[in-house]
């Protein structure tokens, strides 16, 4: 595990190749859905994916798994406001890559009220992915499934499957002080 934790620290700063990220992901242990319960701080890992940098431009802070049917996958800003991914035009973002434009971060953050929601917008289920049964987060209104693997006691490597694109990678760290969902 320590090697995976060190690798993650390096690639959160410098990025990596998608093939290398996939190899590391495949070598990690799957996570059970009940271990996901709680709040997690997130960071993107850049691999050359067309959406690299979009989460950061939106000031993405992480995810909240409050129960199997109560998931907030896009917490943004200092206060952790929840966004509804179903309202986000991902096809347009894939084509235009707005995160690369000058001033994109400010423009994306200014649009956040259009996407805000108090309702959960995803579900947590057990699913087989790349040969392992583990936790998967399924978005309610986007063709997206996130899969999770354990890189450390409170550190996960996530892989986002978006139909028609290569995997997008990110990390989740259990929020300090959050004891929910931990193994006994």
N, C-alpha and C. Protein backbone atom coordinates (compact mmCIF):
# COMPACT_ATOMS: atom_id res chain seq x y z
N UNK A 1 0.82 -1.21 0.00
CA UNK A 1 0.00 0.00 0.00
C UNK A 1 0.86 1.26 0.00
N UNK A 2 1.93 1.25 0.73
CA UNK A 2 2.76 2.45 0.81
C UNK A 2 3.24 2.90 -0.56
N UNK A 3 3.56 1.94 -1.44
CA UNK A 3 3.99 2.30 -2.79
C UNK A 3 2.87 3.02 -3.53
N UNK A 4 1.64 2.54 -3.39
CA UNK A 4 0.50 3.18 -4.05
C UNK A 4 0.28 4.58 -3.49
N UNK A 5 0.42 4.75 -2.19
CA UNK A 5 0.24 6.08 -1.59
C UNK A 5 1.29 7.04 -2.11
N UNK A 6 2.54 6.60 -2.20
CA UNK A 6 3.62 7.44 -2.72
C UNK A 6 3.37 7.78 -4.19
N UNK A 7 2.95 6.78 -4.96
CA UNK A 7 2.66 7.01 -6.38
C UNK A 7 1.57 8.07 -6.52
N UNK A 8 0.53 7.96 -5.72
CA UNK A 8 -0.57 8.92 -5.80
C UNK A 8 -0.09 10.33 -5.47
N UNK A 9 0.72 10.49 -4.45
CA UNK A 9 1.25 11.83 -4.13
C UNK A 9 2.00 12.41 -5.32
N UNK A 10 2.78 11.58 -6.00
CA UNK A 10 3.53 12.06 -7.16
C UNK A 10 2.62 12.44 -8.32
N UNK A 11 1.65 11.58 -8.64
CA UNK A 11 0.83 11.84 -9.83
C UNK A 11 -0.24 12.90 -9.60
N UNK A 12 -0.61 13.15 -8.35
CA UNK A 12 -1.53 14.26 -8.10
C UNK A 12 -0.87 15.59 -8.50
N UNK A 13 0.44 15.66 -8.37
CA UNK A 13 1.17 16.87 -8.74
C UNK A 13 1.55 16.90 -10.21
N UNK A 14 2.07 15.77 -10.71
CA UNK A 14 2.69 15.77 -12.03
C UNK A 14 1.89 15.04 -13.11
N UNK A 15 0.85 14.32 -12.75
CA UNK A 15 0.10 13.53 -13.73
C UNK A 15 0.85 12.26 -14.07
N UNK A 16 0.27 11.47 -14.96
CA UNK A 16 0.86 10.20 -15.39
C UNK A 16 0.21 9.78 -16.69
N UNK A 17 0.69 8.70 -17.25
CA UNK A 17 0.08 8.13 -18.44
C UNK A 17 -1.14 7.31 -18.04
N UNK A 18 -2.17 7.31 -18.87
CA UNK A 18 -3.40 6.58 -18.56
C UNK A 18 -3.13 5.10 -18.37
N UNK A 19 -2.25 4.52 -19.18
CA UNK A 19 -1.93 3.09 -19.05
C UNK A 19 -1.31 2.77 -17.71
N UNK A 20 -0.45 3.64 -17.22
CA UNK A 20 0.18 3.43 -15.91
C UNK A 20 -0.86 3.55 -14.81
N UNK A 21 -1.74 4.54 -14.89
CA UNK A 21 -2.80 4.69 -13.88
C UNK A 21 -3.70 3.46 -13.86
N UNK A 22 -4.01 2.93 -15.02
CA UNK A 22 -4.86 1.74 -15.09
C UNK A 22 -4.16 0.53 -14.49
N UNK A 23 -2.87 0.40 -14.73
CA UNK A 23 -2.11 -0.72 -14.15
C UNK A 23 -2.08 -0.63 -12.63
N UNK A 24 -1.89 0.58 -12.09
CA UNK A 24 -1.90 0.74 -10.63
C UNK A 24 -3.30 0.43 -10.10
N UNK A 25 -4.33 0.96 -10.74
CA UNK A 25 -5.71 0.70 -10.34
C UNK A 25 -5.98 -0.80 -10.28
N UNK A 26 -5.58 -1.53 -11.31
CA UNK A 26 -5.82 -2.97 -11.37
C UNK A 26 -5.09 -3.73 -10.27
N UNK A 27 -4.00 -3.18 -9.77
CA UNK A 27 -3.23 -3.85 -8.73
C UNK A 27 -3.72 -3.59 -7.31
N UNK A 28 -4.72 -2.73 -7.17
CA UNK A 28 -5.21 -2.38 -5.83
C UNK A 28 -6.44 -3.20 -5.45
N UNK A 29 -6.68 -3.29 -4.15
CA UNK A 29 -7.81 -4.02 -3.59
C UNK A 29 -9.11 -3.23 -3.79
N UNK A 30 -10.17 -3.96 -4.12
CA UNK A 30 -11.48 -3.32 -4.26
C UNK A 30 -11.99 -2.89 -2.89
N UNK A 31 -12.93 -1.95 -2.90
CA UNK A 31 -13.53 -1.40 -1.69
C UNK A 31 -14.99 -1.83 -1.63
N UNK A 32 -15.47 -2.19 -0.45
CA UNK A 32 -16.88 -2.54 -0.27
C UNK A 32 -17.71 -1.26 -0.17
N UNK A 33 -18.95 -1.28 -0.66
CA UNK A 33 -19.78 -0.07 -0.61
C UNK A 33 -19.95 0.51 0.79
N UNK A 34 -20.10 -0.34 1.81
CA UNK A 34 -20.30 0.20 3.17
C UNK A 34 -19.08 0.92 3.70
N UNK A 35 -17.91 0.67 3.13
CA UNK A 35 -16.69 1.38 3.53
C UNK A 35 -16.63 2.79 2.94
N UNK A 36 -17.47 3.07 1.98
CA UNK A 36 -17.48 4.37 1.32
C UNK A 36 -18.28 5.41 2.10
N UNK A 37 -19.12 4.98 3.02
CA UNK A 37 -20.00 5.90 3.72
C UNK A 37 -19.17 6.97 4.43
N UNK A 38 -19.52 8.21 4.18
CA UNK A 38 -18.81 9.33 4.78
C UNK A 38 -18.51 10.39 3.74
N UNK A 39 -17.71 11.36 4.14
CA UNK A 39 -17.32 12.46 3.26
C UNK A 39 -15.86 12.29 2.87
N UNK A 40 -15.60 12.55 1.59
CA UNK A 40 -14.28 12.33 1.03
C UNK A 40 -13.83 13.59 0.28
N UNK A 41 -12.56 13.95 0.46
CA UNK A 41 -11.96 15.05 -0.28
C UNK A 41 -11.35 14.48 -1.55
N UNK A 42 -11.55 15.16 -2.68
CA UNK A 42 -11.10 14.63 -3.97
C UNK A 42 -10.10 15.52 -4.68
N UNK A 43 -9.31 14.86 -5.54
CA UNK A 43 -8.35 15.55 -6.42
C UNK A 43 -8.27 14.78 -7.72
N UNK A 44 -8.12 15.49 -8.82
CA UNK A 44 -7.97 14.85 -10.11
C UNK A 44 -6.55 14.38 -10.35
N UNK A 45 -6.42 13.37 -11.20
CA UNK A 45 -5.11 12.90 -11.68
C UNK A 45 -5.13 13.09 -13.20
N UNK A 46 -4.21 13.89 -13.69
CA UNK A 46 -4.18 14.19 -15.12
C UNK A 46 -3.46 13.08 -15.89
N UNK A 47 -4.15 12.56 -16.91
CA UNK A 47 -3.60 11.49 -17.74
C UNK A 47 -3.73 11.80 -19.23
N UNK A 48 -4.13 13.01 -19.57
CA UNK A 48 -4.39 13.35 -20.96
C UNK A 48 -5.85 13.17 -21.34
N UNK A 49 -6.72 12.93 -20.38
CA UNK A 49 -8.15 12.79 -20.64
C UNK A 49 -8.71 14.13 -21.09
N UNK A 50 -9.70 14.13 -22.00
CA UNK A 50 -10.27 15.40 -22.46
C UNK A 50 -10.87 16.25 -21.34
N UNK A 51 -11.25 15.64 -20.21
CA UNK A 51 -11.82 16.41 -19.10
C UNK A 51 -10.80 16.75 -18.01
N UNK A 52 -9.53 16.40 -18.21
CA UNK A 52 -8.51 16.78 -17.23
C UNK A 52 -8.59 18.27 -16.93
N UNK A 53 -8.67 18.61 -15.66
CA UNK A 53 -8.70 20.01 -15.24
C UNK A 53 -10.10 20.57 -15.06
N UNK A 54 -11.13 19.89 -15.56
CA UNK A 54 -12.49 20.41 -15.44
C UNK A 54 -12.95 20.39 -13.98
N UNK A 55 -12.66 19.32 -13.26
CA UNK A 55 -13.04 19.25 -11.84
C UNK A 55 -12.37 20.37 -11.05
N UNK A 56 -11.09 20.59 -11.33
CA UNK A 56 -10.36 21.63 -10.63
C UNK A 56 -10.91 23.01 -10.98
N UNK A 57 -11.25 23.23 -12.25
CA UNK A 57 -11.80 24.52 -12.67
C UNK A 57 -13.14 24.79 -11.97
N UNK A 58 -13.89 23.75 -11.68
CA UNK A 58 -15.18 23.89 -10.98
C UNK A 58 -15.00 23.97 -9.47
N UNK A 59 -13.75 23.88 -9.01
CA UNK A 59 -13.42 23.89 -7.57
C UNK A 59 -14.02 22.68 -6.86
N UNK A 60 -13.94 21.52 -7.54
CA UNK A 60 -14.42 20.26 -6.97
C UNK A 60 -13.63 19.94 -5.71
N UNK A 61 -14.36 19.58 -4.66
CA UNK A 61 -13.73 19.29 -3.37
C UNK A 61 -13.87 17.84 -2.95
N UNK A 62 -14.82 17.09 -3.54
CA UNK A 62 -14.96 15.69 -3.17
C UNK A 62 -16.36 15.16 -3.33
N UNK A 63 -16.66 14.10 -2.55
CA UNK A 63 -17.93 13.38 -2.63
C UNK A 63 -18.44 13.10 -1.23
N UNK A 64 -19.75 12.95 -1.11
CA UNK A 64 -20.38 12.56 0.16
C UNK A 64 -21.25 11.34 -0.10
N UNK A 65 -20.94 10.25 0.59
CA UNK A 65 -21.71 9.01 0.52
C UNK A 65 -22.47 8.90 1.84
N UNK A 66 -23.73 9.29 1.84
CA UNK A 66 -24.52 9.31 3.07
C UNK A 66 -25.30 8.02 3.26
N UNK A 67 -25.43 7.24 2.23
CA UNK A 67 -26.13 5.96 2.23
C UNK A 67 -26.14 5.42 0.82
N UNK A 68 -26.60 4.18 0.62
CA UNK A 68 -26.56 3.58 -0.71
C UNK A 68 -27.29 4.39 -1.79
N UNK A 69 -28.34 5.08 -1.42
CA UNK A 69 -29.10 5.87 -2.39
C UNK A 69 -28.98 7.37 -2.14
N UNK A 70 -28.04 7.76 -1.29
CA UNK A 70 -27.89 9.17 -0.91
C UNK A 70 -26.44 9.61 -1.15
N UNK A 71 -26.10 9.79 -2.43
CA UNK A 71 -24.73 10.15 -2.78
C UNK A 71 -24.72 11.51 -3.47
N UNK A 72 -23.80 12.36 -3.01
CA UNK A 72 -23.54 13.67 -3.61
C UNK A 72 -22.14 13.57 -4.24
N UNK A 73 -22.07 13.33 -5.56
CA UNK A 73 -20.78 13.07 -6.20
C UNK A 73 -19.94 14.30 -6.52
N UNK A 74 -20.57 15.46 -6.55
CA UNK A 74 -19.85 16.67 -6.94
C UNK A 74 -20.02 17.75 -5.88
N UNK A 75 -19.16 17.73 -4.88
CA UNK A 75 -19.15 18.78 -3.87
C UNK A 75 -18.13 19.82 -4.30
N UNK A 76 -18.54 21.08 -4.35
CA UNK A 76 -17.66 22.13 -4.85
C UNK A 76 -17.59 23.30 -3.87
N UNK A 77 -16.52 24.05 -4.00
CA UNK A 77 -16.36 25.27 -3.20
C UNK A 77 -16.04 24.98 -1.75
N UNK A 78 -15.69 26.03 -1.07
CA UNK A 78 -15.30 25.94 0.34
C UNK A 78 -16.37 25.28 1.19
N UNK A 79 -17.64 25.58 0.94
CA UNK A 79 -18.73 25.02 1.74
C UNK A 79 -19.20 23.66 1.29
N UNK A 80 -18.68 23.15 0.19
CA UNK A 80 -19.06 21.83 -0.28
C UNK A 80 -20.46 21.75 -0.85
N UNK A 81 -20.88 22.76 -1.61
CA UNK A 81 -22.20 22.74 -2.26
C UNK A 81 -22.26 21.56 -3.22
N UNK A 82 -23.44 20.96 -3.34
CA UNK A 82 -23.63 19.80 -4.21
C UNK A 82 -24.14 20.24 -5.57
N UNK A 83 -23.54 19.66 -6.63
CA UNK A 83 -23.98 19.94 -7.99
C UNK A 83 -24.68 18.72 -8.57
N UNK A 84 -25.63 18.97 -9.46
CA UNK A 84 -26.33 17.90 -10.17
C UNK A 84 -25.62 17.67 -11.50
N UNK A 85 -24.89 16.58 -11.60
CA UNK A 85 -24.15 16.27 -12.83
C UNK A 85 -25.07 16.11 -14.02
N UNK A 86 -26.32 15.77 -13.78
CA UNK A 86 -27.28 15.61 -14.86
C UNK A 86 -27.55 16.90 -15.63
N UNK A 87 -27.29 18.02 -15.00
CA UNK A 87 -27.50 19.31 -15.65
C UNK A 87 -26.26 19.81 -16.40
N UNK A 88 -25.14 19.13 -16.21
CA UNK A 88 -23.88 19.57 -16.82
C UNK A 88 -23.78 19.01 -18.24
N UNK A 89 -23.56 19.86 -19.23
CA UNK A 89 -23.47 19.40 -20.62
C UNK A 89 -22.10 18.77 -20.92
N UNK A 90 -21.94 17.50 -20.53
CA UNK A 90 -20.64 16.84 -20.67
C UNK A 90 -20.21 16.69 -22.13
N UNK A 91 -21.16 16.42 -23.02
CA UNK A 91 -20.80 16.31 -24.44
C UNK A 91 -20.17 17.59 -24.95
N UNK A 92 -20.73 18.71 -24.56
CA UNK A 92 -20.19 20.01 -24.95
C UNK A 92 -18.82 20.24 -24.30
N UNK A 93 -18.69 19.88 -23.04
CA UNK A 93 -17.40 20.03 -22.34
C UNK A 93 -16.32 19.16 -22.99
N UNK A 94 -16.69 17.96 -23.44
CA UNK A 94 -15.71 17.09 -24.10
C UNK A 94 -15.24 17.69 -25.42
N UNK A 95 -16.15 18.33 -26.14
CA UNK A 95 -15.78 18.93 -27.43
C UNK A 95 -15.02 20.25 -27.27
N UNK A 96 -15.47 21.09 -26.35
CA UNK A 96 -14.90 22.44 -26.24
C UNK A 96 -13.75 22.55 -25.25
N UNK A 97 -13.70 21.64 -24.28
CA UNK A 97 -12.66 21.66 -23.23
C UNK A 97 -12.50 23.04 -22.60
N UNK A 98 -13.57 23.55 -22.01
CA UNK A 98 -13.54 24.93 -21.48
C UNK A 98 -12.51 25.13 -20.38
N UNK A 99 -12.12 24.07 -19.69
CA UNK A 99 -11.14 24.20 -18.62
C UNK A 99 -9.80 24.73 -19.12
N UNK A 100 -9.57 24.70 -20.42
CA UNK A 100 -8.31 25.18 -21.00
C UNK A 100 -8.36 26.66 -21.38
N UNK A 101 -9.51 27.24 -21.35
CA UNK A 101 -9.66 28.64 -21.76
C UNK A 101 -9.18 29.58 -20.66
N UNK A 102 -8.62 30.74 -21.04
CA UNK A 102 -8.26 31.74 -20.02
C UNK A 102 -9.53 32.18 -19.29
N UNK A 103 -9.47 32.25 -17.99
CA UNK A 103 -10.61 32.67 -17.19
C UNK A 103 -11.69 31.61 -17.02
N UNK A 104 -11.41 30.39 -17.46
CA UNK A 104 -12.42 29.32 -17.42
C UNK A 104 -12.87 29.02 -15.99
N UNK A 105 -11.92 28.97 -15.07
CA UNK A 105 -12.28 28.65 -13.69
C UNK A 105 -13.32 29.60 -13.13
N UNK A 106 -13.11 30.90 -13.32
CA UNK A 106 -14.05 31.89 -12.82
C UNK A 106 -15.40 31.76 -13.51
N UNK A 107 -15.39 31.51 -14.82
CA UNK A 107 -16.66 31.36 -15.56
C UNK A 107 -17.42 30.12 -15.10
N UNK A 108 -16.70 29.03 -14.94
CA UNK A 108 -17.35 27.78 -14.48
C UNK A 108 -17.90 27.96 -13.08
N UNK A 109 -17.14 28.58 -12.21
CA UNK A 109 -17.62 28.80 -10.83
C UNK A 109 -18.82 29.74 -10.81
N UNK A 110 -18.86 30.70 -11.71
CA UNK A 110 -20.00 31.62 -11.78
C UNK A 110 -21.28 30.89 -12.20
N UNK A 111 -21.13 29.82 -12.94
CA UNK A 111 -22.31 29.05 -13.40
C UNK A 111 -22.78 28.01 -12.39
N UNK A 112 -22.04 27.82 -11.31
CA UNK A 112 -22.41 26.77 -10.34
C UNK A 112 -23.84 26.86 -9.84
N UNK A 113 -24.40 28.05 -9.60
CA UNK A 113 -25.80 28.09 -9.13
C UNK A 113 -26.78 27.41 -10.09
N UNK A 114 -26.46 27.35 -11.37
CA UNK A 114 -27.33 26.69 -12.33
C UNK A 114 -27.37 25.18 -12.12
N UNK A 115 -26.34 24.65 -11.51
CA UNK A 115 -26.21 23.20 -11.35
C UNK A 115 -26.40 22.74 -9.90
N UNK A 116 -26.63 23.68 -8.99
CA UNK A 116 -26.73 23.35 -7.56
C UNK A 116 -27.97 22.51 -7.26
N UNK A 117 -27.85 21.65 -6.28
CA UNK A 117 -28.96 20.82 -5.84
C UNK A 117 -28.77 20.44 -4.37
N UNK A 118 -29.85 20.17 -3.69
CA UNK A 118 -29.79 19.65 -2.33
C UNK A 118 -30.04 18.14 -2.35
N UNK A 119 -30.52 17.63 -3.49
CA UNK A 119 -30.85 16.21 -3.60
C UNK A 119 -29.62 15.39 -3.96
N UNK A 120 -29.58 14.14 -3.51
CA UNK A 120 -28.52 13.24 -3.97
C UNK A 120 -28.69 12.96 -5.46
N UNK A 121 -27.60 12.77 -6.17
CA UNK A 121 -27.68 12.57 -7.62
C UNK A 121 -26.94 11.32 -8.10
N UNK A 122 -26.65 10.41 -7.17
CA UNK A 122 -25.99 9.16 -7.55
C UNK A 122 -26.32 8.09 -6.50
N UNK A 123 -26.00 6.85 -6.87
CA UNK A 123 -26.22 5.70 -5.99
C UNK A 123 -24.93 4.92 -5.84
N UNK A 124 -24.82 4.21 -4.76
CA UNK A 124 -23.65 3.38 -4.47
C UNK A 124 -24.08 1.92 -4.51
N UNK A 125 -23.39 1.13 -5.32
CA UNK A 125 -23.72 -0.28 -5.47
C UNK A 125 -22.45 -1.11 -5.56
N UNK A 126 -22.60 -2.40 -5.43
CA UNK A 126 -21.48 -3.32 -5.65
C UNK A 126 -21.56 -3.76 -7.11
N UNK A 127 -20.42 -3.72 -7.79
CA UNK A 127 -20.39 -4.03 -9.21
C UNK A 127 -19.05 -4.65 -9.56
N UNK A 128 -19.06 -5.55 -10.52
CA UNK A 128 -17.80 -6.14 -11.01
C UNK A 128 -17.22 -5.20 -12.06
N UNK A 129 -15.93 -4.90 -11.90
CA UNK A 129 -15.22 -4.05 -12.86
C UNK A 129 -13.78 -4.52 -12.94
N UNK A 130 -13.32 -4.78 -14.15
CA UNK A 130 -11.94 -5.22 -14.39
C UNK A 130 -11.57 -6.39 -13.49
N UNK A 131 -12.52 -7.34 -13.35
CA UNK A 131 -12.26 -8.59 -12.65
C UNK A 131 -12.46 -8.57 -11.15
N UNK A 132 -12.86 -7.44 -10.59
CA UNK A 132 -13.05 -7.37 -9.13
C UNK A 132 -14.42 -6.84 -8.80
N UNK A 133 -15.00 -7.40 -7.75
CA UNK A 133 -16.28 -6.94 -7.24
C UNK A 133 -16.01 -5.87 -6.19
N UNK A 134 -16.59 -4.70 -6.35
CA UNK A 134 -16.34 -3.64 -5.39
C UNK A 134 -17.33 -2.50 -5.53
N UNK A 135 -17.10 -1.45 -4.78
CA UNK A 135 -17.98 -0.29 -4.76
C UNK A 135 -17.96 0.44 -6.10
N UNK A 136 -19.16 0.82 -6.54
CA UNK A 136 -19.32 1.62 -7.76
C UNK A 136 -20.37 2.68 -7.48
N UNK A 137 -20.10 3.89 -7.94
CA UNK A 137 -21.06 4.98 -7.81
C UNK A 137 -21.65 5.23 -9.19
N UNK A 138 -22.98 5.14 -9.26
CA UNK A 138 -23.69 5.27 -10.52
C UNK A 138 -24.45 6.60 -10.52
N UNK A 139 -24.13 7.46 -11.47
CA UNK A 139 -24.82 8.74 -11.58
C UNK A 139 -26.25 8.51 -12.04
N UNK A 140 -27.17 9.30 -11.52
CA UNK A 140 -28.58 9.16 -11.87
C UNK A 140 -28.87 9.58 -13.30
N UNK A 141 -28.23 10.67 -13.77
CA UNK A 141 -28.63 11.22 -15.07
C UNK A 141 -27.46 11.49 -16.01
N UNK A 142 -26.41 10.73 -15.88
CA UNK A 142 -25.30 10.79 -16.82
C UNK A 142 -24.82 9.36 -17.05
N UNK A 143 -24.25 9.06 -18.22
CA UNK A 143 -23.73 7.70 -18.47
C UNK A 143 -22.35 7.52 -17.83
N UNK A 144 -22.32 7.66 -16.49
CA UNK A 144 -21.06 7.62 -15.75
C UNK A 144 -21.17 6.64 -14.59
N UNK A 145 -20.09 5.86 -14.43
CA UNK A 145 -19.94 4.99 -13.26
C UNK A 145 -18.53 5.21 -12.73
N UNK A 146 -18.41 5.49 -11.44
CA UNK A 146 -17.11 5.60 -10.79
C UNK A 146 -16.83 4.30 -10.04
N UNK A 147 -15.60 3.80 -10.16
CA UNK A 147 -15.17 2.59 -9.46
C UNK A 147 -14.02 2.99 -8.53
N UNK A 148 -13.90 2.27 -7.41
CA UNK A 148 -12.94 2.67 -6.38
C UNK A 148 -12.06 1.50 -5.97
N UNK A 149 -10.77 1.81 -5.72
CA UNK A 149 -9.81 0.83 -5.20
C UNK A 149 -9.04 1.48 -4.05
N UNK A 150 -8.67 0.67 -3.08
CA UNK A 150 -7.98 1.14 -1.88
C UNK A 150 -6.48 1.30 -2.15
N UNK A 151 -5.97 2.50 -1.89
CA UNK A 151 -4.54 2.77 -2.01
C UNK A 151 -3.90 2.95 -0.63
N UNK A 152 -4.71 3.10 0.40
CA UNK A 152 -4.25 3.27 1.77
C UNK A 152 -5.45 3.21 2.69
N UNK A 153 -5.24 3.28 4.00
CA UNK A 153 -6.35 3.15 4.94
C UNK A 153 -7.48 4.16 4.70
N UNK A 154 -7.16 5.36 4.32
CA UNK A 154 -8.15 6.41 4.08
C UNK A 154 -7.95 7.08 2.73
N UNK A 155 -7.40 6.33 1.78
CA UNK A 155 -7.06 6.86 0.46
C UNK A 155 -7.55 5.89 -0.62
N UNK A 156 -8.30 6.43 -1.58
CA UNK A 156 -8.83 5.62 -2.68
C UNK A 156 -8.37 6.18 -4.01
N UNK A 157 -8.18 5.28 -4.97
CA UNK A 157 -7.97 5.67 -6.35
C UNK A 157 -9.29 5.42 -7.06
N UNK A 158 -9.81 6.44 -7.72
CA UNK A 158 -11.08 6.32 -8.43
C UNK A 158 -10.87 6.34 -9.92
N UNK A 159 -11.74 5.61 -10.61
CA UNK A 159 -11.73 5.55 -12.06
C UNK A 159 -13.14 5.88 -12.53
N UNK A 160 -13.27 6.95 -13.29
CA UNK A 160 -14.57 7.34 -13.83
C UNK A 160 -14.71 6.79 -15.24
N UNK A 161 -15.77 5.99 -15.42
CA UNK A 161 -16.13 5.49 -16.75
C UNK A 161 -17.20 6.40 -17.32
N UNK A 162 -16.89 7.05 -18.40
CA UNK A 162 -17.87 7.87 -19.12
C UNK A 162 -17.95 7.28 -20.52
N UNK A 163 -19.13 6.84 -20.87
CA UNK A 163 -19.33 6.18 -22.16
C UNK A 163 -18.64 6.97 -23.28
N UNK A 164 -17.81 6.27 -24.07
CA UNK A 164 -17.18 6.89 -25.23
C UNK A 164 -15.86 7.60 -24.96
N UNK A 165 -15.37 7.55 -23.71
CA UNK A 165 -14.08 8.19 -23.40
C UNK A 165 -13.19 7.20 -22.66
N UNK A 166 -11.88 7.47 -22.63
CA UNK A 166 -11.00 6.66 -21.78
C UNK A 166 -11.31 6.96 -20.31
N UNK A 167 -10.79 6.14 -19.39
CA UNK A 167 -11.05 6.41 -17.97
C UNK A 167 -10.45 7.73 -17.51
N UNK A 168 -11.14 8.38 -16.60
CA UNK A 168 -10.65 9.58 -15.92
C UNK A 168 -10.30 9.14 -14.50
N UNK A 169 -9.15 9.53 -14.00
CA UNK A 169 -8.71 9.10 -12.68
C UNK A 169 -8.76 10.24 -11.67
N UNK A 170 -9.01 9.89 -10.42
CA UNK A 170 -9.04 10.86 -9.33
C UNK A 170 -8.74 10.12 -8.02
N UNK A 171 -8.48 10.89 -6.99
CA UNK A 171 -8.26 10.31 -5.67
C UNK A 171 -9.33 10.82 -4.71
N UNK A 172 -9.58 10.02 -3.69
CA UNK A 172 -10.46 10.42 -2.59
C UNK A 172 -9.74 10.13 -1.29
N UNK A 173 -9.76 11.10 -0.39
CA UNK A 173 -9.22 10.94 0.97
C UNK A 173 -10.35 11.15 1.95
N UNK A 174 -10.49 10.18 2.86
CA UNK A 174 -11.54 10.33 3.87
C UNK A 174 -11.29 11.61 4.63
N UNK A 175 -12.33 12.42 4.76
CA UNK A 175 -12.22 13.70 5.45
C UNK A 175 -11.78 13.47 6.89
N UNK A 176 -10.85 14.27 7.34
CA UNK A 176 -10.31 14.16 8.70
C UNK A 176 -11.45 14.13 9.72
N UNK A 177 -11.38 13.19 10.63
CA UNK A 177 -12.38 13.08 11.69
C UNK A 177 -13.59 12.26 11.31
N UNK A 178 -13.72 11.87 10.03
CA UNK A 178 -14.88 11.09 9.60
C UNK A 178 -14.58 9.61 9.85
N UNK A 179 -15.29 9.01 10.78
CA UNK A 179 -15.08 7.61 11.15
C UNK A 179 -16.10 6.68 10.47
N UNK A 180 -17.10 7.23 9.80
CA UNK A 180 -18.14 6.39 9.21
C UNK A 180 -17.56 5.54 8.08
N UNK A 181 -18.08 4.34 7.94
CA UNK A 181 -17.70 3.47 6.84
C UNK A 181 -16.37 2.77 7.00
N UNK A 182 -15.62 3.04 8.04
CA UNK A 182 -14.32 2.39 8.22
C UNK A 182 -14.48 0.96 8.67
N UNK A 183 -13.53 0.15 8.29
CA UNK A 183 -13.52 -1.23 8.77
C UNK A 183 -13.25 -1.24 10.27
N UNK A 184 -13.84 -2.20 11.01
CA UNK A 184 -13.56 -2.27 12.45
C UNK A 184 -12.12 -2.64 12.73
